Protein backbone atom coordinates (compact mmCIF):
# COMPACT_ATOMS: atom_id res chain seq x y z
CA MET A 1 -4.94 -35.65 -48.25
CA LEU A 2 -1.10 -35.89 -48.03
CA GLN A 3 -0.84 -32.13 -49.40
CA TYR A 4 -2.93 -31.20 -46.43
CA LEU A 5 -0.99 -33.16 -43.96
CA LEU A 6 2.38 -31.69 -45.25
CA LYS A 7 0.71 -28.34 -45.04
CA ARG A 8 -0.30 -29.04 -41.32
CA ILE A 9 3.19 -30.26 -40.55
CA ALA A 10 4.76 -27.16 -42.10
CA LEU A 11 2.82 -25.08 -39.49
CA PHE A 12 3.46 -27.87 -36.69
CA ILE A 13 7.15 -27.24 -36.82
CA PRO A 14 7.46 -23.56 -36.10
CA THR A 15 4.79 -23.57 -33.64
CA LEU A 16 6.88 -26.17 -31.48
CA LEU A 17 9.79 -23.63 -32.07
CA LEU A 18 7.86 -20.92 -30.67
CA LEU A 19 6.45 -23.14 -27.94
CA SER A 20 10.22 -23.84 -26.64
CA LEU A 21 11.12 -20.13 -26.72
CA LEU A 22 7.85 -19.40 -24.48
CA VAL A 23 9.02 -22.41 -22.02
CA PHE A 24 12.59 -21.14 -22.02
CA GLY A 25 11.44 -17.77 -21.22
CA LEU A 26 9.23 -18.33 -18.74
CA SER A 27 12.05 -20.64 -16.75
CA LYS A 28 14.30 -17.32 -16.82
CA MET A 29 11.32 -15.00 -15.72
CA SER A 30 10.48 -17.26 -12.86
CA THR A 31 10.36 -16.04 -9.12
CA GLY A 32 12.92 -17.39 -7.05
CA ASP A 33 16.65 -17.61 -8.34
CA PRO A 34 17.51 -21.18 -8.56
CA ILE A 35 21.14 -20.57 -7.95
CA GLN A 36 20.34 -18.72 -4.90
CA VAL A 37 18.20 -21.69 -3.56
CA LEU A 38 21.03 -24.08 -4.31
CA LEU A 39 23.54 -22.02 -2.64
CA GLU A 40 21.42 -21.81 0.33
CA ASP A 41 21.10 -25.68 0.68
CA PHE A 42 24.79 -25.86 0.21
CA LYS A 43 25.40 -23.24 2.79
CA SER A 44 23.28 -24.89 5.48
CA ASN A 45 25.78 -27.55 5.72
CA GLN A 46 28.73 -25.35 5.95
CA SER A 47 30.29 -22.98 8.23
CA THR A 48 30.37 -19.38 7.34
CA ILE A 49 31.71 -18.39 3.76
CA ASN A 50 32.69 -15.24 2.57
CA VAL A 51 31.66 -13.62 -0.99
CA GLU A 52 34.88 -14.74 -2.53
CA GLN A 53 34.19 -18.32 -1.70
CA GLU A 54 30.40 -18.08 -2.58
CA ASN A 55 31.61 -16.98 -6.04
CA LYS A 56 33.64 -20.12 -6.40
CA ILE A 57 30.79 -22.38 -5.11
CA ILE A 58 28.10 -20.44 -7.57
CA GLN A 59 30.48 -21.01 -10.41
CA GLU A 60 30.67 -24.69 -9.79
CA ILE A 61 26.80 -24.94 -9.57
CA LYS A 62 26.50 -22.98 -12.83
CA VAL A 63 28.98 -25.33 -14.66
CA LYS A 64 26.98 -28.40 -13.43
CA TYR A 65 23.48 -27.22 -14.51
CA GLY A 66 24.73 -25.47 -17.63
CA LEU A 67 24.19 -21.79 -16.25
CA ASP A 68 27.34 -20.47 -16.85
CA LYS A 69 26.71 -19.58 -20.52
CA PRO A 70 24.82 -16.69 -21.76
CA ALA A 71 20.99 -17.23 -21.92
CA PHE A 72 20.23 -16.79 -25.48
CA TYR A 73 21.79 -16.19 -28.88
CA PHE A 74 21.98 -12.43 -28.21
CA ALA A 75 21.33 -10.07 -25.44
CA ILE A 76 19.99 -6.58 -25.30
CA ARG A 77 20.80 -4.68 -22.37
CA ARG A 78 21.52 -0.88 -21.36
CA SER A 79 24.82 0.50 -21.87
CA SER A 80 25.20 0.88 -18.35
CA ASP A 81 24.15 -2.73 -17.26
CA ILE A 82 27.40 -3.92 -15.34
CA GLN A 83 27.25 -7.39 -17.09
CA ASN A 84 28.61 -5.58 -20.10
CA TYR A 85 31.91 -5.23 -18.45
CA CYS A 86 32.25 -7.95 -15.87
CA SER A 87 30.44 -11.25 -14.62
CA ILE A 88 29.06 -11.16 -10.94
CA GLU A 89 28.40 -14.88 -9.84
CA ASN A 90 26.50 -14.31 -6.76
CA PRO A 91 22.65 -13.33 -7.66
CA ARG A 92 22.18 -10.91 -4.74
CA THR A 93 25.61 -9.23 -5.34
CA ASN A 94 24.97 -8.87 -9.10
CA LYS A 95 21.53 -7.57 -8.38
CA ASN A 96 22.96 -4.80 -5.98
CA PHE A 97 25.78 -3.68 -8.37
CA ASN A 98 23.60 -3.54 -11.43
CA GLN A 99 21.31 -1.40 -9.41
CA LEU A 100 24.44 0.60 -8.18
CA ALA A 101 25.29 0.90 -12.10
CA TYR A 102 22.04 2.35 -12.84
CA SER A 103 21.89 4.86 -10.29
CA TYR A 104 25.26 6.40 -11.19
CA GLY A 105 24.72 5.32 -15.12
CA ASN A 106 28.08 4.07 -15.38
CA GLY A 107 28.78 0.09 -15.80
CA GLU A 108 32.32 0.44 -16.53
CA LYS A 109 33.29 2.44 -13.41
CA THR A 110 30.81 0.06 -11.13
CA ALA A 111 32.75 -2.82 -12.53
CA ALA A 112 36.10 -1.39 -11.62
CA PHE A 113 34.84 -0.72 -8.09
CA TYR A 114 33.54 -4.39 -7.91
CA ARG A 115 37.01 -5.61 -9.03
CA ALA A 116 38.74 -3.35 -6.31
CA ILE A 117 36.27 -5.15 -3.86
CA LEU A 118 37.57 -8.52 -5.16
CA GLN A 119 41.34 -7.64 -4.88
CA GLY A 120 40.62 -6.40 -1.05
CA TYR A 121 39.45 -10.01 -0.65
CA VAL A 122 42.82 -11.45 -1.91
CA GLN A 123 44.54 -9.13 0.32
CA LYS A 124 42.78 -10.63 3.26
CA GLU A 125 41.69 -7.25 4.33
CA LYS A 126 38.21 -6.97 6.84
CA GLU A 127 36.49 -9.74 4.97
CA GLN A 128 33.40 -9.43 7.19
CA THR A 129 33.05 -5.70 6.28
CA LEU A 130 33.71 -6.25 2.52
CA ASP A 131 30.83 -8.80 2.65
CA LEU A 132 28.56 -5.96 4.04
CA LEU A 133 30.02 -3.59 1.19
CA VAL A 134 29.18 -5.60 -1.60
CA LEU A 135 25.42 -5.48 -0.59
CA LYS A 136 25.27 -1.72 0.01
CA GLN A 137 23.63 0.92 -2.54
CA ASP A 138 23.38 3.93 -0.39
CA ALA A 139 26.44 6.28 -0.66
CA GLU A 140 26.43 7.28 3.00
CA GLU A 141 26.52 3.84 4.06
CA ILE A 142 29.36 2.78 1.50
CA GLU A 143 31.42 5.52 2.62
CA GLN A 144 31.25 4.43 6.25
CA LEU A 145 32.45 0.81 5.52
CA LEU A 146 35.10 2.40 3.23
CA ASN A 147 36.47 4.20 6.37
CA ILE A 148 36.51 1.05 8.41
CA ILE A 149 38.32 -0.90 5.45
CA ASP A 150 40.86 1.87 4.79
CA ASN A 151 41.95 0.46 1.54
CA GLU A 152 43.12 3.18 -0.90
CA ASN A 153 42.23 1.15 -4.07
CA ILE A 154 38.75 0.53 -3.21
CA THR A 155 38.27 4.08 -2.05
CA SER A 156 39.69 5.48 -5.42
CA ALA A 157 37.54 3.20 -7.18
CA TRP A 158 34.39 4.51 -5.28
CA LEU A 159 35.24 7.97 -5.77
CA ASP A 160 35.77 7.51 -9.47
CA LEU A 161 32.45 6.07 -9.73
CA LYS A 162 30.83 8.68 -7.67
CA ASN A 163 32.40 11.72 -9.29
CA ASN A 164 31.54 10.28 -12.85
CA LYS A 165 27.70 10.06 -12.33
CA THR A 166 25.63 10.14 -15.75
CA ARG A 167 22.13 9.12 -16.88
CA TYR A 168 22.76 8.99 -20.64
CA ALA A 169 23.98 5.21 -20.64
CA ASN A 170 20.76 4.19 -19.13
CA TYR A 171 18.81 4.80 -22.17
CA ILE A 172 21.21 3.53 -24.86
CA PRO A 173 20.64 0.17 -25.83
CA HIS A 174 23.69 -2.37 -26.05
CA VAL A 175 23.38 -5.45 -28.35
CA GLN A 176 25.81 -8.38 -27.58
CA TRP A 177 25.97 -11.47 -29.80
CA ASN A 178 26.48 -14.59 -27.66
CA GLY A 179 26.92 -17.06 -30.72
CA PHE A 180 25.50 -20.81 -30.39
CA ASN A 181 27.28 -21.60 -27.22
CA ASN A 182 24.21 -20.28 -25.16
CA GLN A 183 21.81 -21.93 -22.74
CA TYR A 184 18.77 -21.97 -25.01
CA HIS A 185 20.90 -23.67 -27.90
CA GLN A 186 22.30 -26.17 -25.56
CA TRP A 187 18.79 -27.01 -23.81
CA LEU A 188 17.08 -27.34 -27.29
CA THR A 189 19.70 -29.70 -28.49
CA ASN A 190 19.47 -31.67 -25.29
CA VAL A 191 15.72 -31.75 -25.70
CA LEU A 192 15.89 -33.13 -29.26
CA LYS A 193 18.01 -35.88 -27.74
CA GLY A 194 15.63 -36.79 -25.26
CA ASN A 195 17.97 -35.36 -22.49
CA LEU A 196 15.65 -33.06 -20.15
CA GLY A 197 18.33 -32.17 -17.71
CA GLN A 198 18.73 -32.92 -13.96
CA SER A 199 16.47 -32.17 -11.13
CA TYR A 200 17.62 -29.53 -8.74
CA PHE A 201 15.74 -31.42 -5.80
CA ASP A 202 17.42 -34.57 -6.00
CA ASN A 203 20.05 -34.54 -9.00
CA LYS A 204 18.12 -37.40 -10.78
CA PRO A 205 17.55 -37.19 -14.67
CA ILE A 206 14.27 -35.43 -15.44
CA ALA A 207 13.41 -38.12 -18.15
CA THR A 208 13.64 -40.89 -15.51
CA LYS A 209 11.72 -39.03 -13.09
CA ILE A 210 8.85 -38.43 -15.71
CA LYS A 211 9.00 -41.89 -16.95
CA ASP A 212 8.27 -43.23 -13.49
CA ALA A 213 5.65 -40.95 -12.71
CA LEU A 214 4.18 -41.37 -16.20
CA GLU A 215 3.50 -45.17 -15.77
CA TRP A 216 0.63 -44.58 -12.99
CA THR A 217 -0.72 -41.46 -14.93
CA LEU A 218 -1.18 -43.69 -18.25
CA ILE A 219 -2.72 -46.69 -16.37
CA LEU A 220 -5.39 -44.38 -14.67
CA SER A 221 -6.18 -42.02 -17.80
CA LEU A 222 -6.26 -44.92 -20.22
CA ILE A 223 -8.60 -47.08 -18.11
CA SER A 224 -10.67 -43.92 -17.63
CA ILE A 225 -10.91 -42.87 -21.31
CA PHE A 226 -11.63 -46.61 -22.26
CA VAL A 227 -14.44 -46.67 -19.50
CA ALA A 228 -15.84 -43.30 -20.44
CA LEU A 229 -16.14 -43.78 -24.09
CA LEU A 230 -17.49 -47.76 -23.54
CA ILE A 231 -20.46 -46.18 -21.54
CA ALA A 232 -21.09 -42.70 -22.98
CA ILE A 233 -21.26 -43.43 -26.52
CA PRO A 234 -23.72 -45.85 -26.67
CA ALA A 235 -25.61 -44.13 -24.03
CA GLY A 236 -25.57 -40.89 -25.99
CA VAL A 237 -26.58 -42.53 -29.32
CA TYR A 238 -29.42 -44.56 -27.65
CA ALA A 239 -30.44 -41.22 -26.05
CA ALA A 240 -30.41 -39.39 -29.19
CA THR A 241 -32.31 -42.12 -31.27
CA HIS A 242 -35.00 -42.14 -28.76
CA GLU A 243 -35.36 -38.52 -27.95
CA ASN A 244 -37.60 -37.36 -25.16
CA SER A 245 -38.14 -40.93 -23.98
CA LYS A 246 -38.34 -42.04 -20.32
CA THR A 247 -34.64 -43.20 -20.95
CA ASP A 248 -33.45 -40.17 -22.62
CA GLN A 249 -34.77 -37.92 -19.69
CA PHE A 250 -33.17 -40.46 -16.94
CA LEU A 251 -29.87 -40.59 -18.67
CA SER A 252 -29.81 -36.92 -19.30
CA LYS A 253 -30.65 -35.98 -15.77
CA LEU A 254 -28.08 -38.76 -14.23
CA PHE A 255 -25.37 -37.74 -16.22
CA PHE A 256 -26.29 -33.92 -15.47
CA VAL A 257 -25.99 -34.76 -11.87
CA PHE A 258 -22.56 -36.56 -12.47
CA TYR A 259 -21.16 -33.67 -14.33
CA SER A 260 -22.22 -31.21 -11.52
CA ILE A 261 -20.50 -32.78 -8.77
CA PRO A 262 -17.08 -31.44 -8.07
CA ASN A 263 -14.38 -34.47 -8.26
CA PHE A 264 -12.23 -32.99 -5.21
CA TRP A 265 -15.52 -32.99 -2.77
CA LEU A 266 -16.71 -36.67 -4.09
CA ALA A 267 -12.97 -37.87 -3.63
CA SER A 268 -13.18 -36.58 0.01
CA LEU A 269 -16.48 -38.14 0.59
CA LEU A 270 -15.47 -41.54 -0.58
CA LEU A 271 -12.66 -41.64 1.35
CA VAL A 272 -14.38 -40.68 4.64
CA PHE A 273 -16.94 -43.66 4.02
CA PHE A 274 -15.19 -46.37 2.08
CA THR A 275 -11.55 -46.32 3.36
CA SER A 276 -12.16 -45.85 7.09
CA ASN A 277 -13.13 -48.40 9.67
CA GLU A 278 -15.98 -46.14 11.06
CA TYR A 279 -18.30 -46.91 7.86
CA PHE A 280 -17.37 -49.40 4.86
CA ASN A 281 -13.63 -50.27 5.02
CA TRP A 282 -13.46 -51.59 1.59
CA PHE A 283 -10.75 -49.82 -0.24
CA PRO A 284 -7.21 -48.77 0.88
CA GLY A 285 -7.03 -44.95 1.21
CA TYR A 286 -3.60 -43.93 -0.31
CA GLY A 287 -1.12 -45.24 -2.84
CA VAL A 288 -1.04 -47.71 -5.29
CA GLY A 289 -0.05 -50.74 -3.17
CA ASP A 290 3.26 -52.75 -2.15
CA ILE A 291 3.92 -55.35 -4.72
CA SER A 292 6.66 -58.28 -3.46
CA ASN A 293 8.17 -61.09 -5.66
CA ALA A 294 6.12 -63.62 -3.47
CA ASN A 295 2.85 -61.99 -4.82
CA SER A 296 1.18 -64.18 -7.43
CA LEU A 297 -0.20 -62.63 -10.59
CA TRP A 298 -3.66 -62.54 -9.37
CA GLU A 299 -2.73 -61.23 -6.08
CA ILE A 300 -1.02 -58.46 -7.91
CA ILE A 301 -3.99 -57.63 -9.79
CA LEU A 302 -6.19 -57.65 -6.76
CA ILE A 303 -3.97 -55.16 -4.81
CA ARG A 304 -3.91 -52.64 -7.78
CA VAL A 305 -7.48 -52.96 -8.32
CA GLN A 306 -8.24 -52.21 -4.74
CA HIS A 307 -6.17 -49.15 -4.39
CA LEU A 308 -7.15 -47.58 -7.96
CA PHE A 309 -10.77 -48.25 -8.02
CA LEU A 310 -11.72 -45.08 -6.53
CA PRO A 311 -8.97 -42.68 -8.14
CA VAL A 312 -10.18 -44.43 -11.62
CA PHE A 313 -14.10 -43.83 -10.61
CA ILE A 314 -13.38 -40.24 -9.61
CA TRP A 315 -11.48 -39.60 -12.94
CA THR A 316 -14.15 -41.26 -15.12
CA TYR A 317 -17.68 -40.19 -13.95
CA GLY A 318 -17.49 -36.63 -15.07
CA SER A 319 -15.75 -37.50 -18.61
CA ILE A 320 -18.95 -39.97 -19.06
CA ALA A 321 -21.30 -37.03 -18.28
CA PHE A 322 -19.36 -34.66 -20.64
CA VAL A 323 -18.92 -37.28 -23.63
CA PHE A 324 -22.46 -38.30 -23.26
CA LYS A 325 -23.58 -34.69 -23.66
CA GLN A 326 -21.50 -34.21 -26.70
CA VAL A 327 -22.70 -37.33 -28.61
CA ARG A 328 -26.33 -36.81 -27.85
CA ASN A 329 -26.51 -33.42 -29.02
CA SER A 330 -24.65 -34.15 -32.00
CA MET A 331 -26.34 -37.24 -32.81
CA ILE A 332 -29.82 -35.38 -32.54
CA GLN A 333 -28.76 -33.02 -35.34
CA GLN A 334 -27.93 -35.87 -37.70
CA TRP A 335 -31.03 -38.22 -36.58
CA ASN A 336 -33.38 -35.28 -37.55
CA SER A 337 -31.53 -34.55 -40.86
CA ASP A 338 -32.87 -35.11 -44.35
CA TYR A 339 -30.27 -37.78 -45.41
CA VAL A 340 -31.66 -39.95 -42.41
CA LYS A 341 -34.92 -39.65 -43.12
CA THR A 342 -34.39 -40.51 -46.78
CA ALA A 343 -32.34 -43.64 -45.49
CA LYS A 344 -35.29 -44.80 -43.47
CA ALA A 345 -37.52 -44.42 -46.46
CA LYS A 346 -35.25 -46.67 -48.57
CA GLY A 347 -35.71 -49.36 -45.74
CA LEU A 348 -32.32 -49.50 -44.52
CA LYS A 349 -31.79 -51.16 -40.97
CA GLN A 350 -31.84 -48.79 -38.27
CA GLN A 351 -28.41 -50.04 -37.02
CA THR A 352 -26.87 -49.31 -40.45
CA ILE A 353 -28.47 -45.87 -40.35
CA VAL A 354 -27.07 -45.04 -36.77
CA TRP A 355 -23.71 -46.50 -37.13
CA LYS A 356 -22.79 -46.30 -40.61
CA HIS A 357 -24.38 -42.94 -41.34
CA ALA A 358 -25.55 -40.75 -38.63
CA PHE A 359 -22.82 -41.63 -35.98
CA ARG A 360 -20.07 -41.05 -38.51
CA ASN A 361 -21.28 -37.48 -39.26
CA ALA A 362 -21.79 -36.97 -35.47
CA SER A 363 -18.37 -38.00 -34.65
CA PHE A 364 -16.79 -34.53 -35.11
CA PRO A 365 -17.26 -33.50 -31.19
CA LEU A 366 -15.54 -36.85 -30.36
CA ILE A 367 -12.60 -36.01 -32.80
CA THR A 368 -12.24 -32.63 -30.98
CA ILE A 369 -12.48 -34.50 -27.69
CA VAL A 370 -9.78 -36.76 -28.96
CA GLY A 371 -7.28 -33.79 -29.33
CA ASN A 372 -7.90 -32.60 -25.88
CA ILE A 373 -7.40 -35.96 -24.44
CA LEU A 374 -3.90 -36.49 -25.53
CA PRO A 375 -2.52 -33.73 -23.27
CA ALA A 376 -4.64 -34.90 -20.32
CA ILE A 377 -3.52 -38.64 -20.65
CA PHE A 378 0.30 -37.40 -19.94
CA SER A 379 -0.72 -34.60 -17.39
CA GLY A 380 -2.50 -36.44 -14.92
CA SER A 381 -4.95 -35.21 -12.60
CA PHE A 382 -3.46 -32.99 -9.88
CA ILE A 383 -6.47 -33.18 -7.46
CA ILE A 384 -7.20 -36.69 -7.87
CA GLU A 385 -3.48 -37.81 -7.48
CA TYR A 386 -2.82 -35.56 -4.66
CA ILE A 387 -5.87 -36.85 -2.72
CA PHE A 388 -5.00 -40.51 -3.39
CA SER A 389 -1.44 -40.05 -3.08
CA ILE A 390 -1.07 -41.56 -6.79
CA PRO A 391 2.95 -41.03 -7.76
CA GLY A 392 1.85 -39.84 -11.34
CA MET A 393 2.42 -36.78 -13.31
CA GLY A 394 -0.05 -34.33 -11.40
CA MET A 395 1.78 -35.37 -8.19
CA LEU A 396 5.30 -34.69 -9.81
CA THR A 397 4.07 -31.34 -11.02
CA ILE A 398 2.96 -30.43 -7.47
CA GLN A 399 6.17 -31.71 -5.86
CA ALA A 400 8.34 -29.97 -8.53
CA PHE A 401 6.31 -26.85 -7.69
CA ASN A 402 6.74 -26.92 -4.01
CA THR A 403 10.26 -27.41 -4.12
CA ARG A 404 10.94 -24.86 -6.85
CA ASP A 405 12.34 -27.95 -8.99
CA TYR A 406 12.27 -25.56 -12.19
CA PRO A 407 13.82 -27.84 -14.59
CA VAL A 408 11.29 -30.57 -13.73
CA LEU A 409 8.27 -28.16 -13.55
CA PHE A 410 9.40 -26.52 -17.11
CA SER A 411 10.02 -29.85 -18.73
CA ILE A 412 6.48 -30.98 -17.66
CA ILE A 413 5.05 -27.76 -19.06
CA LEU A 414 7.12 -28.13 -22.57
CA ILE A 415 5.84 -31.89 -22.80
CA MET A 416 2.29 -30.60 -22.20
CA GLY A 417 2.42 -27.80 -24.48
CA PHE A 418 3.74 -30.35 -27.45
CA LEU A 419 1.20 -32.97 -26.73
CA THR A 420 -1.31 -29.88 -27.04
CA VAL A 421 -0.19 -28.90 -30.24
CA LEU A 422 0.07 -32.63 -31.58
CA GLY A 423 -3.45 -33.19 -30.47
CA LEU A 424 -4.50 -30.23 -32.60
CA LEU A 425 -2.51 -31.92 -35.44
CA ILE A 426 -4.16 -35.23 -34.99
CA THR A 427 -7.61 -33.66 -34.87
CA ASP A 428 -7.11 -31.63 -38.08
CA VAL A 429 -6.04 -34.73 -39.79
CA LEU A 430 -8.91 -36.66 -38.37
CA TYR A 431 -11.32 -34.11 -39.50
CA ALA A 432 -9.96 -34.15 -43.05
CA TRP A 433 -9.97 -38.33 -43.16
CA ASN A 434 -13.57 -37.96 -41.77
CA ASP A 435 -14.78 -35.24 -44.23
CA PRO A 436 -12.59 -34.86 -47.41
CA ARG A 437 -14.26 -31.53 -48.24
CA ILE A 438 -12.16 -29.84 -45.42
CA LYS A 439 -9.42 -27.83 -46.94
CA LEU A 440 -6.34 -26.24 -44.93
CA LYS A 441 -7.27 -22.65 -46.31
CA LYS A 442 -10.79 -23.04 -44.94
CA SER A 443 -9.53 -23.34 -41.42
CA PHE A 444 -8.46 -19.72 -41.79
CA ASN A 445 -11.99 -18.29 -42.62
């Protein structure tokens, strides 16, 4: 057993490393540049600023959020990429000049052209026209602006780029080693320390935001799981040991109906009928309730129960139906097996046969469910939390997505991925504990 556990952990660690690479890579490929979003928020409170001032602001933002370093340990770019020769802070300007470098196949000359424009800002020459120039790619439009600016250094740099056009550098790779001082290494080191960074939306620590949201998600999910297992396991076992009886048929049909009802539809229906004055105003419609220091323990419990009853019910009924079906089907196979018939023939008590022998062998589907439950406990329900305004993990994920708060969003994805892998590890260990015949090498056959 110990050897099996060590082998599983040996596979667990590189899987987590691969997960971190995937999450970090997705964060870098996501649409909507976070720097541009933060810059627009800053500019909305300021008067008009030029490119030089923008670059200084962007540099401050990058340093604040650790985006001033290279993304990874190494970078592979085309030889004509302008980033091989200079760093352009503004995302739009960088994109434009990189396209210009690709069009002319000469990153070095393009970088020289960009530096000449920056020198024009230093000399305070027609800054508004320079602001237009850094966003142009068409040669004719660029030359029209150059005639207005009438700067010999900028014009000379442009003609040098224009007259040295080539395409070979676009197809030659350039490998750059960045060392350990990069965004991924810093991010992974902070994650291992429990520091997930800061939110772009409100500058709060991400770990604090997740901790606050996790409280309500854990309350809802743990209550739901406990109730689902408490009802579904005995019902599934009883239905299996009384197969085709009226009780079995009734429970199977009832839970099939439960499983078929969409939770968002039923949640909306319950809100209409049980939270409005037009029908039965039995429960509050939204939130988790306001608690003050003047409230007694009984009053606090009553307020929470009133607010959480409907969300817990919506979260639970589908789980009961699913677990019931898994337990019943698995238990029927064991109940009709030869060893159960032998135990009956020996005169063992039915309760002993059911729970000590048959149920243990029928519990493998439950072990699989346990592995899937772990990430579900922490992720919350997007639909339920949104409909009932529960400030849990599901609601936090929706808010992070709507506000493009990528550090929060990808931190949640990382945690969910980690819990999924951990759930699989726990499932494998429980399988081996429940049935010692299971070996690691058999799982790959």
